[in-house]
Amino acid sequence: MDQERKSRLIGFAALTITILIWSAWIVYTRQGMRHAMPLSVLILVRMAVPAAVLAPVIWRTGIFGSGRPFLPLLLILSAGVPHIWLSAVGLTHAPSSDYAALVPGTMPVFVAVLAALFFKERLGWIRSLGLVCSFLGVIAITWRSLSAADADANFGHVVFLMAGLNYAIFTLAFRKSGLTPVEAAGFVSFWSLLMVLPFGLMPAIEHVRAGYGSDVIFQAILQGVLSNLIALVTYSEGVRRLGASKAAAFAALVPVGATLLAIPILGEWPDASAVAGVILASFGVLLASGILAARARVTA
């Protein structure tokens, strides 16, 4: 097996882990919001764990990063507290299946547009077709909510789109930052923890005293260890090995996992349109990720 193919396989494996964690994060974050866990507590436990675990990395690289300071600042603003706040606020107004479609589902489109505008990246017709299929799948998944014209849900949809654009910026900024995946995770977590600590520490203590200590521990594992440590590292590794546009295309698979998990955990059943959208979005990822093109080169 040549090195290029091995690198691609590692990238695909890293992104598969990312998709599984993101899917679980979406469903259980909505469950946490339903159980009246303060948003500041959710963000605090998400940032505290990786900041503590990656403290040696932060110490080595420095709290201000290296190289161009503007790019690390973009990482903090796009993958830190602002992104989590947008995601959690949206989840209080719209179903988790809509989040799965409108945030990771539209992120590949945002990445492709931004990459074309700022870096003159060319996608080719196969990957462009894949992005179109993914986008149509996203619309199909959210069609029930969109057609219902529910003002509360529509507000959540707008917030979700802002979160999708936010993480698209992180995808491109990380690619140009020169940081490793672990360094990026530590850098984002450290500064995000400083931002949320004054607002989240006392509510977290009160939440534990009120008898919700097990909920805090569960969310610390899900939010901190899995989502903001492991998933951030694996996603960044996928971006490093496959490129920003190809890695972002995998995010359109999140609606599949989140929609399926929402059935037993939240009791949210998808309709026929959502099922069709999941299939279409998955097919779009197959095209937009470049997997078919890579296999065609191998067999040629």
C-alpha atoms as a PDB file:
ATOM      1  CA  MET A   1       0.000   0.000   0.000  1.00  0.00           C
ATOM      2  CA  ASP A   2       1.525   3.326  -1.073  1.00  0.00           C
ATOM      3  CA  GLN A   3       1.818   6.211   1.366  1.00  0.00           C
ATOM      4  CA  GLU A   4      -0.771   8.393  -0.361  1.00  0.00           C
ATOM      5  CA  ARG A   5      -3.437   5.710  -0.204  1.00  0.00           C
ATOM      6  CA  LYS A   6      -2.574   4.914   3.417  1.00  0.00           C
ATOM      7  CA  SER A   7      -2.894   8.597   4.281  1.00  0.00           C
ATOM      8  CA  ARG A   8      -6.325   8.766   2.632  1.00  0.00           C
ATOM      9  CA  LEU A   9      -7.525   5.681   4.528  1.00  0.00           C
ATOM     10  CA  ILE A  10      -6.398   7.206   7.825  1.00  0.00           C
ATOM     11  CA  GLY A  11      -8.235  10.393   6.880  1.00  0.00           C
ATOM     12  CA  PHE A  12     -11.429   8.469   6.063  1.00  0.00           C
ATOM     13  CA  ALA A  13     -11.194   6.521   9.350  1.00  0.00           C
ATOM     14  CA  ALA A  14     -10.686   9.744  11.329  1.00  0.00           C
ATOM     15  CA  LEU A  15     -13.731  11.334   9.711  1.00  0.00           C
ATOM     16  CA  THR A  16     -15.865   8.236  10.367  1.00  0.00           C
ATOM     17  CA  ILE A  17     -15.093   8.538  14.086  1.00  0.00           C
ATOM     18  CA  THR A  18     -15.929  12.237  13.890  1.00  0.00           C
ATOM     19  CA  ILE A  19     -19.325  11.590  12.310  1.00  0.00           C
ATOM     20  CA  LEU A  20     -20.276   9.017  14.957  1.00  0.00           C
ATOM     21  CA  ILE A  21     -19.354  11.383  17.806  1.00  0.00           C
ATOM     22  CA  TRP A  22     -21.049  14.400  16.244  1.00  0.00           C
ATOM     23  CA  SER A  23     -24.256  12.413  15.732  1.00  0.00           C
ATOM     24  CA  ALA A  24     -24.349  11.419  19.396  1.00  0.00           C
ATOM     25  CA  TRP A  25     -23.438  14.954  20.481  1.00  0.00           C
ATOM     26  CA  ILE A  26     -26.400  16.470  18.642  1.00  0.00           C
ATOM     27  CA  VAL A  27     -28.952  14.138  20.202  1.00  0.00           C
ATOM     28  CA  TYR A  28     -27.613  14.225  23.759  1.00  0.00           C
ATOM     29  CA  THR A  29     -27.096  18.008  23.743  1.00  0.00           C
ATOM     30  CA  ARG A  30     -30.774  18.423  22.905  1.00  0.00           C
ATOM     31  CA  GLN A  31     -31.601  15.944  25.662  1.00  0.00           C
ATOM     32  CA  GLY A  32     -29.457  17.972  28.088  1.00  0.00           C
ATOM     33  CA  MET A  33     -31.281  21.177  27.122  1.00  0.00           C
ATOM     34  CA  ARG A  34     -34.599  19.412  27.708  1.00  0.00           C
ATOM     35  CA  HIS A  35     -33.469  18.545  31.238  1.00  0.00           C
ATOM     36  CA  ALA A  36     -32.872  22.223  32.033  1.00  0.00           C
ATOM     37  CA  MET A  37     -29.093  22.027  32.197  1.00  0.00           C
ATOM     38  CA  PRO A  38     -27.859  25.633  31.892  1.00  0.00           C
ATOM     39  CA  LEU A  39     -26.198  26.394  28.582  1.00  0.00           C
ATOM     40  CA  SER A  40     -23.184  27.863  30.382  1.00  0.00           C
ATOM     41  CA  VAL A  41     -22.681  24.536  32.180  1.00  0.00           C
ATOM     42  CA  LEU A  42     -22.809  22.582  28.929  1.00  0.00           C
ATOM     43  CA  ILE A  43     -20.179  24.833  27.384  1.00  0.00           C
ATOM     44  CA  LEU A  44     -18.023  24.790  30.530  1.00  0.00           C
ATOM     45  CA  VAL A  45     -17.800  20.995  30.759  1.00  0.00           C
ATOM     46  CA  ARG A  46     -17.176  20.821  27.016  1.00  0.00           C
ATOM     47  CA  MET A  47     -14.136  23.095  27.265  1.00  0.00           C
ATOM     48  CA  ALA A  48     -12.726  22.199  30.696  1.00  0.00           C
ATOM     49  CA  VAL A  49     -11.866  18.560  29.988  1.00  0.00           C
ATOM     50  CA  PRO A  50      -9.764  19.022  26.822  1.00  0.00           C
ATOM     51  CA  ALA A  51      -8.143  22.160  28.254  1.00  0.00           C
ATOM     52  CA  ALA A  52      -6.965  20.122  31.255  1.00  0.00           C
ATOM     53  CA  VAL A  53      -5.919  17.052  29.261  1.00  0.00           C
ATOM     54  CA  LEU A  54      -4.050  19.107  26.655  1.00  0.00           C
ATOM     55  CA  ALA A  55      -2.406  21.509  29.126  1.00  0.00           C
ATOM     56  CA  PRO A  56       1.104  20.202  28.282  1.00  0.00           C
ATOM     57  CA  VAL A  57       0.443  20.811  24.582  1.00  0.00           C
ATOM     58  CA  ILE A  58      -0.803  24.330  25.290  1.00  0.00           C
ATOM     59  CA  TRP A  59       2.284  25.010  27.412  1.00  0.00           C
ATOM     60  CA  ARG A  60       4.590  23.821  24.601  1.00  0.00           C
ATOM     61  CA  THR A  61       2.937  25.742  21.773  1.00  0.00           C
ATOM     62  CA  GLY A  62       2.144  28.838  23.812  1.00  0.00           C
ATOM     63  CA  ILE A  63      -1.249  30.332  24.597  1.00  0.00           C
ATOM     64  CA  PHE A  64      -1.021  32.737  21.669  1.00  0.00           C
ATOM     65  CA  GLY A  65      -0.205  30.106  19.079  1.00  0.00           C
ATOM     66  CA  SER A  66       2.557  30.455  16.542  1.00  0.00           C
ATOM     67  CA  GLY A  67       2.929  32.171  13.213  1.00  0.00           C
ATOM     68  CA  ARG A  68       0.113  34.442  12.069  1.00  0.00           C
ATOM     69  CA  PRO A  69      -2.055  35.390  15.108  1.00  0.00           C
ATOM     70  CA  PHE A  70      -5.134  36.127  12.980  1.00  0.00           C
ATOM     71  CA  LEU A  71      -5.688  32.447  12.072  1.00  0.00           C
ATOM     72  CA  PRO A  72      -5.600  31.120  15.678  1.00  0.00           C
ATOM     73  CA  LEU A  73      -8.098  33.852  16.567  1.00  0.00           C
ATOM     74  CA  LEU A  74     -10.372  32.573  13.797  1.00  0.00           C
ATOM     75  CA  LEU A  75     -10.078  29.047  15.234  1.00  0.00           C
ATOM     76  CA  ILE A  76     -11.267  30.255  18.647  1.00  0.00           C
ATOM     77  CA  LEU A  77     -14.194  32.238  17.236  1.00  0.00           C
ATOM     78  CA  SER A  78     -15.299  29.518  14.810  1.00  0.00           C
ATOM     79  CA  ALA A  79     -14.868  26.300  16.835  1.00  0.00           C
ATOM     80  CA  GLY A  80     -15.025  27.640  20.377  1.00  0.00           C
ATOM     81  CA  VAL A  81     -17.741  29.234  22.498  1.00  0.00           C
ATOM     82  CA  PRO A  82     -19.539  31.111  19.669  1.00  0.00           C
ATOM     83  CA  HIS A  83     -20.081  27.914  17.667  1.00  0.00           C
ATOM     84  CA  ILE A  84     -21.274  25.891  20.675  1.00  0.00           C
ATOM     85  CA  TRP A  85     -23.539  28.726  21.801  1.00  0.00           C
ATOM     86  CA  LEU A  86     -25.137  28.988  18.350  1.00  0.00           C
ATOM     87  CA  SER A  87     -25.619  25.220  18.192  1.00  0.00           C
ATOM     88  CA  ALA A  88     -27.144  24.926  21.660  1.00  0.00           C
ATOM     89  CA  VAL A  89     -29.450  27.932  21.185  1.00  0.00           C
ATOM     90  CA  GLY A  90     -30.687  26.503  17.908  1.00  0.00           C
ATOM     91  CA  LEU A  91     -31.371  23.140  19.560  1.00  0.00           C
ATOM     92  CA  THR A  92     -33.753  24.812  22.011  1.00  0.00           C
ATOM     93  CA  HIS A  93     -35.923  25.956  19.095  1.00  0.00           C
ATOM     94  CA  ALA A  94     -35.679  23.189  16.477  1.00  0.00           C
ATOM     95  CA  PRO A  95     -35.375  19.370  16.428  1.00  0.00           C
ATOM     96  CA  SER A  96     -31.998  17.644  16.514  1.00  0.00           C
ATOM     97  CA  SER A  97     -32.625  16.183  13.041  1.00  0.00           C
ATOM     98  CA  ASP A  98     -32.825  19.745  11.682  1.00  0.00           C
ATOM     99  CA  TYR A  99     -29.526  20.606  13.359  1.00  0.00           C
ATOM    100  CA  ALA A 100     -27.885  17.545  11.857  1.00  0.00           C
ATOM    101  CA  ALA A 101     -29.043  18.632   8.413  1.00  0.00           C
ATOM    102  CA  LEU A 102     -28.482  22.367   8.586  1.00  0.00           C
ATOM    103  CA  VAL A 103     -25.132  22.570  10.389  1.00  0.00           C
ATOM    104  CA  PRO A 104     -22.915  19.689   9.223  1.00  0.00           C
ATOM    105  CA  GLY A 105     -25.183  19.265   6.203  1.00  0.00           C
ATOM    106  CA  THR A 106     -24.629  22.768   4.821  1.00  0.00           C
ATOM    107  CA  MET A 107     -21.044  23.149   6.027  1.00  0.00           C
ATOM    108  CA  PRO A 108     -19.584  21.415   2.924  1.00  0.00           C
ATOM    109  CA  VAL A 109     -21.389  23.940   0.718  1.00  0.00           C
ATOM    110  CA  PHE A 110     -20.067  26.853   2.775  1.00  0.00           C
ATOM    111  CA  VAL A 111     -16.538  25.411   2.652  1.00  0.00           C
ATOM    112  CA  ALA A 112     -16.714  24.922  -1.126  1.00  0.00           C
ATOM    113  CA  VAL A 113     -17.955  28.482  -1.694  1.00  0.00           C
ATOM    114  CA  LEU A 114     -15.392  30.046   0.640  1.00  0.00           C
ATOM    115  CA  ALA A 115     -12.561  27.939  -0.802  1.00  0.00           C
ATOM    116  CA  ALA A 116     -13.531  28.959  -4.330  1.00  0.00           C
ATOM    117  CA  LEU A 117     -13.783  32.639  -3.385  1.00  0.00           C
ATOM    118  CA  PHE A 118     -10.632  32.997  -1.284  1.00  0.00           C
ATOM    119  CA  PHE A 119      -8.343  30.172  -2.440  1.00  0.00           C
ATOM    120  CA  LYS A 120      -9.522  29.673  -6.045  1.00  0.00           C
ATOM    121  CA  GLU A 121     -10.137  25.963  -5.397  1.00  0.00           C
ATOM    122  CA  ARG A 122     -11.756  24.031  -8.255  1.00  0.00           C
ATOM    123  CA  LEU A 123     -14.073  21.149  -7.362  1.00  0.00           C
ATOM    124  CA  GLY A 124     -14.766  19.429 -10.681  1.00  0.00           C
ATOM    125  CA  TRP A 125     -18.186  18.305 -11.864  1.00  0.00           C
ATOM    126  CA  ILE A 126     -18.407  15.067  -9.811  1.00  0.00           C
ATOM    127  CA  ARG A 127     -17.738  16.765  -6.489  1.00  0.00           C
ATOM    128  CA  SER A 128     -19.970  19.703  -7.463  1.00  0.00           C
ATOM    129  CA  LEU A 129     -22.788  17.242  -8.210  1.00  0.00           C
ATOM    130  CA  GLY A 130     -22.173  15.625  -4.840  1.00  0.00           C
ATOM    131  CA  LEU A 131     -22.509  18.958  -3.053  1.00  0.00           C
ATOM    132  CA  VAL A 132     -25.776  19.646  -4.886  1.00  0.00           C
ATOM    133  CA  CYS A 133     -27.123  16.201  -3.880  1.00  0.00           C
ATOM    134  CA  SER A 134     -26.084  16.776  -0.272  1.00  0.00           C
ATOM    135  CA  PHE A 135     -27.753  20.177  -0.207  1.00  0.00           C
ATOM    136  CA  LEU A 136     -30.994  18.785  -1.708  1.00  0.00           C
ATOM    137  CA  GLY A 137     -30.885  16.009   0.876  1.00  0.00           C
ATOM    138  CA  VAL A 138     -30.593  18.609   3.624  1.00  0.00           C
ATOM    139  CA  ILE A 139     -33.667  20.417   2.288  1.00  0.00           C
ATOM    140  CA  ALA A 140     -35.609  17.140   2.170  1.00  0.00           C
ATOM    141  CA  ILE A 141     -34.684  16.261   5.757  1.00  0.00           C
ATOM    142  CA  THR A 142     -35.866  19.622   7.059  1.00  0.00           C
ATOM    143  CA  TRP A 143     -38.831  19.959   4.702  1.00  0.00           C
ATOM    144  CA  ARG A 144     -41.418  19.138   7.365  1.00  0.00           C
ATOM    145  CA  SER A 145     -40.177  21.910   9.657  1.00  0.00           C
ATOM    146  CA  LEU A 146     -39.611  24.387   6.839  1.00  0.00           C
ATOM    147  CA  SER A 147     -43.053  23.847   5.312  1.00  0.00           C
ATOM    148  CA  ALA A 148     -44.760  24.129   8.699  1.00  0.00           C
ATOM    149  CA  ALA A 149     -43.751  27.825   8.860  1.00  0.00           C
ATOM    150  CA  ASP A 150     -43.212  27.559  12.622  1.00  0.00           C
ATOM    151  CA  ALA A 151     -41.607  30.844  13.689  1.00  0.00           C
ATOM    152  CA  ASP A 152     -39.800  29.232  16.614  1.00  0.00           C
ATOM    153  CA  ALA A 153     -38.346  26.427  14.496  1.00  0.00           C
ATOM    154  CA  ASN A 154     -37.457  28.818  11.677  1.00  0.00           C
ATOM    155  CA  PHE A 155     -35.462  30.933  14.113  1.00  0.00           C
ATOM    156  CA  GLY A 156     -33.589  27.786  15.097  1.00  0.00           C
ATOM    157  CA  HIS A 157     -32.919  27.071  11.407  1.00  0.00           C
ATOM    158  CA  VAL A 158     -31.365  30.513  10.888  1.00  0.00           C
ATOM    159  CA  VAL A 159     -29.138  29.990  13.941  1.00  0.00           C
ATOM    160  CA  PHE A 160     -28.135  26.555  12.608  1.00  0.00           C
ATOM    161  CA  LEU A 161     -27.049  28.081   9.283  1.00  0.00           C
ATOM    162  CA  MET A 162     -24.909  30.594  11.165  1.00  0.00           C
ATOM    163  CA  ALA A 163     -23.307  27.715  13.093  1.00  0.00           C
ATOM    164  CA  GLY A 164     -22.634  25.859   9.824  1.00  0.00           C
ATOM    165  CA  LEU A 165     -20.904  28.884   8.323  1.00  0.00           C
ATOM    166  CA  ASN A 166     -18.995  29.303  11.579  1.00  0.00           C
ATOM    167  CA  TYR A 167     -17.514  25.796  11.436  1.00  0.00           C
ATOM    168  CA  ALA A 168     -16.778  26.122   7.720  1.00  0.00           C
ATOM    169  CA  ILE A 169     -14.529  29.047   8.621  1.00  0.00           C
ATOM    170  CA  PHE A 170     -12.778  26.835  11.203  1.00  0.00           C
ATOM    171  CA  THR A 171     -12.218  24.144   8.560  1.00  0.00           C
ATOM    172  CA  LEU A 172     -10.419  26.545   6.237  1.00  0.00           C
ATOM    173  CA  ALA A 173      -8.612  28.452   9.006  1.00  0.00           C
ATOM    174  CA  PHE A 174      -7.189  25.246  10.472  1.00  0.00           C
ATOM    175  CA  ARG A 175      -5.952  24.155   7.050  1.00  0.00           C
ATOM    176  CA  LYS A 176      -3.917  27.378   6.817  1.00  0.00           C
ATOM    177  CA  SER A 177      -2.934  27.708  10.499  1.00  0.00           C
ATOM    178  CA  GLY A 178       0.031  25.338  10.523  1.00  0.00           C
ATOM    179  CA  LEU A 179      -1.146  23.801  13.816  1.00  0.00           C
ATOM    180  CA  THR A 180      -1.440  20.055  14.357  1.00  0.00           C
ATOM    181  CA  PRO A 181      -4.909  18.639  15.197  1.00  0.00           C
ATOM    182  CA  VAL A 182      -3.961  18.208  18.863  1.00  0.00           C
ATOM    183  CA  GLU A 183      -2.509  21.735  19.071  1.00  0.00           C
ATOM    184  CA  ALA A 184      -5.666  23.192  17.520  1.00  0.00           C
ATOM    185  CA  ALA A 185      -7.877  21.313  20.005  1.00  0.00           C
ATOM    186  CA  GLY A 186      -5.811  22.510  22.959  1.00  0.00           C
ATOM    187  CA  PHE A 187      -5.625  26.091  21.725  1.00  0.00           C
ATOM    188  CA  VAL A 188      -9.382  26.369  21.108  1.00  0.00           C
ATOM    189  CA  SER A 189     -10.293  24.671  24.399  1.00  0.00           C
ATOM    190  CA  PHE A 190      -7.967  26.806  26.537  1.00  0.00           C
ATOM    191  CA  TRP A 191      -9.236  30.172  25.319  1.00  0.00           C
ATOM    192  CA  SER A 192     -12.854  28.993  25.219  1.00  0.00           C
ATOM    193  CA  LEU A 193     -12.586  27.857  28.838  1.00  0.00           C
ATOM    194  CA  LEU A 194     -11.341  31.303  29.867  1.00  0.00           C
ATOM    195  CA  MET A 195     -14.282  32.880  28.039  1.00  0.00           C
ATOM    196  CA  VAL A 196     -16.975  30.755  29.692  1.00  0.00           C
ATOM    197  CA  LEU A 197     -15.489  30.211  33.178  1.00  0.00           C
ATOM    198  CA  PRO A 198     -16.867  33.428  34.754  1.00  0.00           C
ATOM    199  CA  PHE A 199     -20.389  32.555  33.587  1.00  0.00           C
ATOM    200  CA  GLY A 200     -20.413  28.776  34.002  1.00  0.00           C
ATOM    201  CA  LEU A 201     -18.567  27.916  37.206  1.00  0.00           C
ATOM    202  CA  MET A 202     -21.225  28.883  39.761  1.00  0.00           C
ATOM    203  CA  PRO A 203     -24.161  27.449  37.726  1.00  0.00           C
ATOM    204  CA  ALA A 204     -22.187  24.179  37.423  1.00  0.00           C
ATOM    205  CA  ILE A 205     -21.644  24.011  41.193  1.00  0.00           C
ATOM    206  CA  GLU A 206     -25.321  24.760  41.851  1.00  0.00           C
ATOM    207  CA  HIS A 207     -26.380  22.136  39.298  1.00  0.00           C
ATOM    208  CA  VAL A 208     -24.279  19.501  41.065  1.00  0.00           C
ATOM    209  CA  ARG A 209     -25.628  20.520  44.479  1.00  0.00           C
ATOM    210  CA  ALA A 210     -29.173  20.190  43.118  1.00  0.00           C
ATOM    211  CA  GLY A 211     -28.548  16.477  42.526  1.00  0.00           C
ATOM    212  CA  TYR A 212     -27.576  16.549  38.854  1.00  0.00           C
ATOM    213  CA  GLY A 213     -23.971  15.488  39.358  1.00  0.00           C
ATOM    214  CA  SER A 214     -24.378  12.380  37.186  1.00  0.00           C
ATOM    215  CA  ASP A 215     -25.755  14.523  34.340  1.00  0.00           C
ATOM    216  CA  VAL A 216     -22.750  16.832  34.578  1.00  0.00           C
ATOM    217  CA  ILE A 217     -20.344  13.880  34.491  1.00  0.00           C
ATOM    218  CA  PHE A 218     -22.143  12.351  31.493  1.00  0.00           C
ATOM    219  CA  GLN A 219     -22.055  15.641  29.591  1.00  0.00           C
ATOM    220  CA  ALA A 220     -18.392  16.112  30.544  1.00  0.00           C
ATOM    221  CA  ILE A 221     -17.587  12.772  28.902  1.00  0.00           C
ATOM    222  CA  LEU A 222     -19.750  13.417  25.840  1.00  0.00           C
ATOM    223  CA  GLN A 223     -19.044  17.118  25.401  1.00  0.00           C
ATOM    224  CA  GLY A 224     -15.494  17.334  26.708  1.00  0.00           C
ATOM    225  CA  VAL A 225     -13.807  14.016  25.972  1.00  0.00           C
ATOM    226  CA  LEU A 226     -15.644  12.810  22.880  1.00  0.00           C
ATOM    227  CA  SER A 227     -16.890  15.923  21.079  1.00  0.00           C
ATOM    228  CA  ASN A 228     -14.369  18.623  21.899  1.00  0.00           C
ATOM    229  CA  LEU A 229     -11.250  16.478  22.280  1.00  0.00           C
ATOM    230  CA  ILE A 230     -11.443  13.319  20.198  1.00  0.00           C
ATOM    231  CA  ALA A 231     -13.795  14.601  17.469  1.00  0.00           C
ATOM    232  CA  LEU A 232     -11.961  17.908  17.068  1.00  0.00           C
ATOM    233  CA  VAL A 233      -8.668  16.040  16.694  1.00  0.00           C
ATOM    234  CA  THR A 234     -10.061  13.431  14.274  1.00  0.00           C
ATOM    235  CA  TYR A 235     -11.836  16.038  12.150  1.00  0.00           C
ATOM    236  CA  SER A 236      -8.718  18.168  11.983  1.00  0.00           C
ATOM    237  CA  GLU A 237      -6.729  15.080  11.022  1.00  0.00           C
ATOM    238  CA  GLY A 238      -9.195  14.395   8.227  1.00  0.00           C
ATOM    239  CA  VAL A 239      -8.821  17.983   7.005  1.00  0.00           C
ATOM    240  CA  ARG A 240      -5.025  17.663   7.116  1.00  0.00           C
ATOM    241  CA  ARG A 241      -4.950  14.422   5.119  1.00  0.00           C
ATOM    242  CA  LEU A 242      -7.811  14.922   2.658  1.00  0.00           C
ATOM    243  CA  GLY A 243      -8.163  18.680   2.332  1.00  0.00           C
ATOM    244  CA  ALA A 244     -10.824  21.046   3.617  1.00  0.00           C
ATOM    245  CA  SER A 245     -13.518  20.471   0.968  1.00  0.00           C
ATOM    246  CA  LYS A 246     -13.307  16.668   0.944  1.00  0.00           C
ATOM    247  CA  ALA A 247     -13.272  16.418   4.731  1.00  0.00           C
ATOM    248  CA  ALA A 248     -16.199  18.815   5.079  1.00  0.00           C
ATOM    249  CA  ALA A 249     -18.213  16.712   2.613  1.00  0.00           C
ATOM    250  CA  PHE A 250     -18.280  13.889   5.162  1.00  0.00           C
ATOM    251  CA  ALA A 251     -20.203  16.115   7.560  1.00  0.00           C
ATOM    252  CA  ALA A 252     -23.301  15.615   5.423  1.00  0.00           C
ATOM    253  CA  LEU A 253     -23.420  12.058   6.853  1.00  0.00           C
ATOM    254  CA  VAL A 254     -24.201  13.404  10.318  1.00  0.00           C
ATOM    255  CA  PRO A 255     -27.950  13.690   9.570  1.00  0.00           C
ATOM    256  CA  VAL A 256     -28.008   9.921   9.045  1.00  0.00           C
ATOM    257  CA  GLY A 257     -26.559   9.139  12.456  1.00  0.00           C
ATOM    258  CA  ALA A 258     -28.431  11.852  14.339  1.00  0.00           C
ATOM    259  CA  THR A 259     -31.768  10.987  12.749  1.00  0.00           C
ATOM    260  CA  LEU A 260     -31.383   7.320  13.702  1.00  0.00           C
ATOM    261  CA  LEU A 261     -30.206   8.057  17.255  1.00  0.00           C
ATOM    262  CA  ALA A 262     -33.052  10.530  17.825  1.00  0.00           C
ATOM    263  CA  ILE A 263     -35.615   7.739  17.421  1.00  0.00           C
ATOM    264  CA  PRO A 264     -34.822   5.751  20.615  1.00  0.00           C
ATOM    265  CA  ILE A 265     -33.368   8.633  22.660  1.00  0.00           C
ATOM    266  CA  LEU A 266     -35.690  11.563  21.884  1.00  0.00           C
ATOM    267  CA  GLY A 267     -38.658   9.821  20.277  1.00  0.00           C
ATOM    268  CA  GLU A 268     -38.278  11.962  17.116  1.00  0.00           C
ATOM    269  CA  TRP A 269     -39.360   9.835  14.152  1.00  0.00           C
ATOM    270  CA  PRO A 270     -38.339  10.896  10.629  1.00  0.00           C
ATOM    271  CA  ASP A 271     -40.990  11.158   7.923  1.00  0.00           C
ATOM    272  CA  ALA A 272     -40.685   9.853   4.352  1.00  0.00           C
ATOM    273  CA  SER A 273     -39.137  13.105   3.162  1.00  0.00           C
ATOM    274  CA  ALA A 274     -36.441  12.921   5.839  1.00  0.00           C
ATOM    275  CA  VAL A 275     -35.627   9.324   4.950  1.00  0.00           C
ATOM    276  CA  ALA A 276     -35.281  10.265   1.284  1.00  0.00           C
ATOM    277  CA  GLY A 277     -33.110  13.206   2.276  1.00  0.00           C
ATOM    278  CA  VAL A 278     -30.805  10.986   4.312  1.00  0.00           C
ATOM    279  CA  ILE A 279     -30.283   8.710   1.307  1.00  0.00           C
ATOM    280  CA  LEU A 280     -29.692  11.626  -1.066  1.00  0.00           C
ATOM    281  CA  ALA A 281     -27.290  13.372   1.312  1.00  0.00           C
ATOM    282  CA  SER A 282     -25.321  10.151   1.813  1.00  0.00           C
ATOM    283  CA  PHE A 283     -25.001   9.684  -1.945  1.00  0.00           C
ATOM    284  CA  GLY A 284     -23.876  13.286  -2.248  1.00  0.00           C
ATOM    285  CA  VAL A 285     -21.103  12.676   0.277  1.00  0.00           C
ATOM    286  CA  LEU A 286     -19.916   9.685  -1.742  1.00  0.00           C
ATOM    287  CA  LEU A 287     -19.489  11.977  -4.749  1.00  0.00           C
ATOM    288  CA  ALA A 288     -18.231  15.126  -3.015  1.00  0.00           C
ATOM    289  CA  SER A 289     -15.638  13.333  -0.874  1.00  0.00           C
ATOM    290  CA  GLY A 290     -13.647  12.292  -3.928  1.00  0.00           C
ATOM    291  CA  ILE A 291     -13.798   8.592  -3.012  1.00  0.00           C
ATOM    292  CA  LEU A 292     -15.128   7.576  -6.428  1.00  0.00           C
ATOM    293  CA  ALA A 293     -12.504   9.637  -8.226  1.00  0.00           C
ATOM    294  CA  ALA A 294      -9.749   8.100  -6.119  1.00  0.00           C
ATOM    295  CA  ARG A 295     -10.972   4.555  -6.830  1.00  0.00           C
ATOM    296  CA  ALA A 296     -11.193   5.329 -10.527  1.00  0.00           C
ATOM    297  CA  ARG A 297      -7.524   6.393 -10.512  1.00  0.00           C
ATOM    298  CA  VAL A 298      -6.542   3.206  -8.709  1.00  0.00           C
ATOM    299  CA  THR A 299      -8.338   0.901 -11.167  1.00  0.00           C
ATOM    300  CA  ALA A 300      -7.171   2.856 -14.222  1.00  0.00           C
END
